[in-house]
Amino acid sequence: HRHGHAGKGAGEAANGGASPEDASVEQVFADKAVPSWREQLTLRALVVSALLAVMFSVIVMKLNLTTGIIPSLNVSAGLLGFFFVRLWTNAFERMGLVGHPFTRQENTVIQTCVVSAYGIAFSGGFGSYLFGMSDTIAKQATEANDPWNIKEPHLGWMIGFLFLVSFIGIFALVPMRKIMIVDYKLTYPSGTATAYLINGFHTPEGAKLAKKQVKILGRYFMVSFFWGFFQWFFSGGDDCGFKNFPTLGLEAYKNRFYFDFSPTYIGVGMICPHIVNVSVMLGGIISWGIMWPLIGKKKGSWYPASLPESSLHGLQAYRVSTLILPLSSLLSKLKSNNVV
């Protein structure tokens, strides 16, 4: 939800710019009145938002449980929202039914709803702390394994929890938007890009470009789908198949270095900045290629040799502590510099 509302605010700031390109786009909508909120929150907008929210949430949860890196999908949400509502309106026109015209404000509502949904799927803790308090996770440790430290995340409890947590972002967003976007006129990159994109979609030239973009997106979606089906069909178990192919050799495969031929990760790598990709790669080499093998050789000396690698009293404990210590030291450094 943070990205969606901020994107909308940045879009308003971008529309008020003075560049000739902005002015030419705004001239297309100069004689059109801003629709009321009832014309923006339409049934078709809510239906398309729900369908796209389910699809994007599945993608985000897959990335959240594997890489932990979620790129900004604002542009994709705006593009697919425009495409599906266009299909909706064209189908109704062919049946002789005339509905409300599709406006850029309605497109922004769809994009905001979709980004809000997958934002909750990522930051709501479904791949981390929300299930870390469950009985299943508590059984993997011996400390604090009692009813006072266990909370089963039932559906009703999770809905209430996320409902309250989501309002924190709304209350924080209003003053931040007033200061950052209205007063200081700072540019929000993903929101500004989405605003330019949505404005362009609702021009004749932009609609043609959006059609081409959706065709290319659908083509690669089909390639990814059939390749995933091929991997699933020819898999022989959890550790057998193209998803677990020892591309770099068996010794590297034991330390989790292999290429799983997933188009999803390729796409995420293309969306993320180079500094993020390089950081993840170097972090993987240092941790899984150097640190864990060296600590693993200390089995029986640093920790009991009878423990499995997943035990929090064995090698897994070093992995978790090695992750927490740099994060805590970084947070302390930021606090000392009055950054957070």
Foldseek 3Di string as FASTA:
>chain_A
DLCLVVLVLLLVLLCPDDDPVSVVLVVVCVPPDDDDVDVQPDPLLVVQLVVLLVVLLVLLLVCCQPVNDDFDCLQVQLLSSLVVVVVVQVVCVVVVHHDDDDDLSSSSSSSSSSNVSNVCSNPVQPNHDLCCQAQVVLVLDDPPNDPVRHDHDDPVNSVVVSVVVVVVSVVVNVVCSCVQCVPVNDRDVVSNVNSVLSSLCPDPVSVVVSVVVVVVVVVVVVVQVVVVVVQVVPADDDCGGLQNDAPPDDVVSVLVDDDSPHVSVVVVVVRDDPVVVVVSVVVSCCPSVPPLVVQVVCDVPQADVPDDCPHCRGSVVVVVVVVVVVVVVVVVVCVVVVND
